C-alpha atoms as a PDB file:
ATOM      1  CA  MET A   1     -87.718   3.631-129.793  1.00  0.00           C
ATOM      2  CA  ILE A   2     -89.686   4.033-133.003  1.00  0.00           C
ATOM      3  CA  LYS A   3     -89.963   0.248-133.343  1.00  0.00           C
ATOM      4  CA  TYR A   4     -91.600   0.030-129.932  1.00  0.00           C
ATOM      5  CA  LEU A   5     -93.961   2.896-130.716  1.00  0.00           C
ATOM      6  CA  LEU A   6     -95.046   1.275-133.976  1.00  0.00           C
ATOM      7  CA  GLY A   7     -95.469  -2.036-132.174  1.00  0.00           C
ATOM      8  CA  VAL A   8     -97.726  -0.428-129.586  1.00  0.00           C
ATOM      9  CA  ILE A   9     -99.790   1.293-132.279  1.00  0.00           C
ATOM     10  CA  THR A  10    -100.133  -1.986-134.171  1.00  0.00           C
ATOM     11  CA  ALA A  11    -101.124  -3.873-131.021  1.00  0.00           C
ATOM     12  CA  LEU A  12    -103.750  -1.283-130.141  1.00  0.00           C
ATOM     13  CA  ALA A  13    -105.128  -1.386-133.683  1.00  0.00           C
ATOM     14  CA  ILE A  14    -105.360  -5.193-133.616  1.00  0.00           C
ATOM     15  CA  ILE A  15    -107.023  -5.204-130.201  1.00  0.00           C
ATOM     16  CA  GLY A  16    -109.468  -2.532-131.323  1.00  0.00           C
ATOM     17  CA  GLY A  17    -110.492  -4.610-134.311  1.00  0.00           C
ATOM     18  CA  ALA A  18    -109.232  -2.171-136.926  1.00  0.00           C
ATOM     19  CA  LEU A  19    -107.336  -4.855-138.825  1.00  0.00           C
ATOM     20  CA  ASP A  20    -109.267  -7.595-140.579  1.00  0.00           C
ATOM     21  CA  PHE A  21    -107.835 -10.675-142.276  1.00  0.00           C
ATOM     22  CA  ASP A  22    -109.593 -12.133-145.296  1.00  0.00           C
ATOM     23  CA  SER A  23    -108.498 -14.995-147.511  1.00  0.00           C
ATOM     24  CA  ASP A  24    -109.803 -16.997-150.400  1.00  0.00           C
ATOM     25  CA  GLU A  25    -108.401 -19.870-152.411  1.00  0.00           C
ATOM     26  CA  GLU A  26    -105.919 -17.720-154.309  1.00  0.00           C
ATOM     27  CA  SER A  27    -104.877 -14.837-152.094  1.00  0.00           C
ATOM     28  CA  TRP A  28    -104.745 -13.336-148.633  1.00  0.00           C
ATOM     29  CA  ARG A  29    -105.803  -9.811-147.740  1.00  0.00           C
ATOM     30  CA  LEU A  30    -105.251  -7.616-144.734  1.00  0.00           C
ATOM     31  CA  ILE A  31    -107.983  -4.987-144.577  1.00  0.00           C
ATOM     32  CA  ILE A  32    -107.228  -1.846-142.575  1.00  0.00           C
ATOM     33  CA  ASN A  33    -110.015   0.493-141.516  1.00  0.00           C
ATOM     34  CA  LYS A  34    -108.228   3.840-141.105  1.00  0.00           C
ATOM     35  CA  LYS A  35    -110.915   5.533-139.006  1.00  0.00           C
ATOM     36  CA  GLN A  36    -111.138   2.576-136.692  1.00  0.00           C
ATOM     37  CA  VAL A  37    -107.330   2.469-136.339  1.00  0.00           C
ATOM     38  CA  LEU A  38    -107.286   6.087-135.245  1.00  0.00           C
ATOM     39  CA  SER A  39    -110.084   5.640-132.723  1.00  0.00           C
ATOM     40  CA  SER A  40    -108.566   2.363-131.421  1.00  0.00           C
ATOM     41  CA  VAL A  41    -105.181   3.973-130.840  1.00  0.00           C
ATOM     42  CA  GLN A  42    -106.736   7.030-129.197  1.00  0.00           C
ATOM     43  CA  ASP A  43    -108.972   4.939-126.941  1.00  0.00           C
ATOM     44  CA  GLY A  44    -106.119   2.632-125.977  1.00  0.00           C
ATOM     45  CA  THR A  45    -103.819   5.553-125.223  1.00  0.00           C
ATOM     46  CA  ILE A  46    -106.453   7.226-123.062  1.00  0.00           C
ATOM     47  CA  ARG A  47    -107.066   3.965-121.154  1.00  0.00           C
ATOM     48  CA  ILE A  48    -103.348   3.447-120.539  1.00  0.00           C
ATOM     49  CA  PHE A  49    -102.970   7.072-119.401  1.00  0.00           C
ATOM     50  CA  ASN A  50    -105.923   6.800-117.018  1.00  0.00           C
ATOM     51  CA  GLN A  51    -104.627   3.535-115.531  1.00  0.00           C
ATOM     52  CA  GLY A  52    -101.190   5.073-114.996  1.00  0.00           C
ATOM     53  CA  LYS A  53    -102.763   8.116-113.397  1.00  0.00           C
ATOM     54  CA  LYS A  54    -104.792   5.895-111.031  1.00  0.00           C
ATOM     55  CA  ILE A  55    -101.688   3.965-110.005  1.00  0.00           C
ATOM     56  CA  LEU A  56     -99.689   7.116-109.326  1.00  0.00           C
ATOM     57  CA  SER A  57    -102.490   8.955-107.538  1.00  0.00           C
ATOM     58  CA  SER A  58    -103.391   6.013-105.298  1.00  0.00           C
ATOM     59  CA  SER A  59     -99.825   5.595-104.141  1.00  0.00           C
ATOM     60  CA  ASP A  60     -99.481   7.245-100.737  1.00  0.00           C
ATOM     61  CA  ALA A  61     -96.089   5.713-100.036  1.00  0.00           C
ATOM     62  CA  ILE A  62     -94.267   8.960-100.803  1.00  0.00           C
ATOM     63  CA  GLU A  63     -96.354  10.991 -98.365  1.00  0.00           C
ATOM     64  CA  THR A  64     -96.236   8.516 -95.479  1.00  0.00           C
ATOM     65  CA  SER A  65     -92.644   7.334 -95.698  1.00  0.00           C
ATOM     66  CA  THR A  66     -89.879   8.673 -93.468  1.00  0.00           C
ATOM     67  CA  LEU A  67     -86.194   8.914 -94.068  1.00  0.00           C
ATOM     68  CA  THR A  68     -83.792   7.901 -91.314  1.00  0.00           C
ATOM     69  CA  VAL A  69     -80.090   8.606 -91.663  1.00  0.00           C
ATOM     70  CA  GLU A  70     -77.599   6.971 -89.307  1.00  0.00           C
ATOM     71  CA  ASN A  71     -73.953   7.874 -88.961  1.00  0.00           C
END
């Protein structure tokens, strides 16, 4: 479970542009902007929550469905 959570956080940080890759002739660097990581993860989480809320609130299948039981 923790692996998935860390994967999601990493994906949101990459999508948000919080991680930057820089290289020269001798070395490679991964630059992490901590403030941008936090805002990227928060924004991504809020977007995912809002999309899930839209999907659940727009579903009227529960209210309009009927249950028929036959013996």
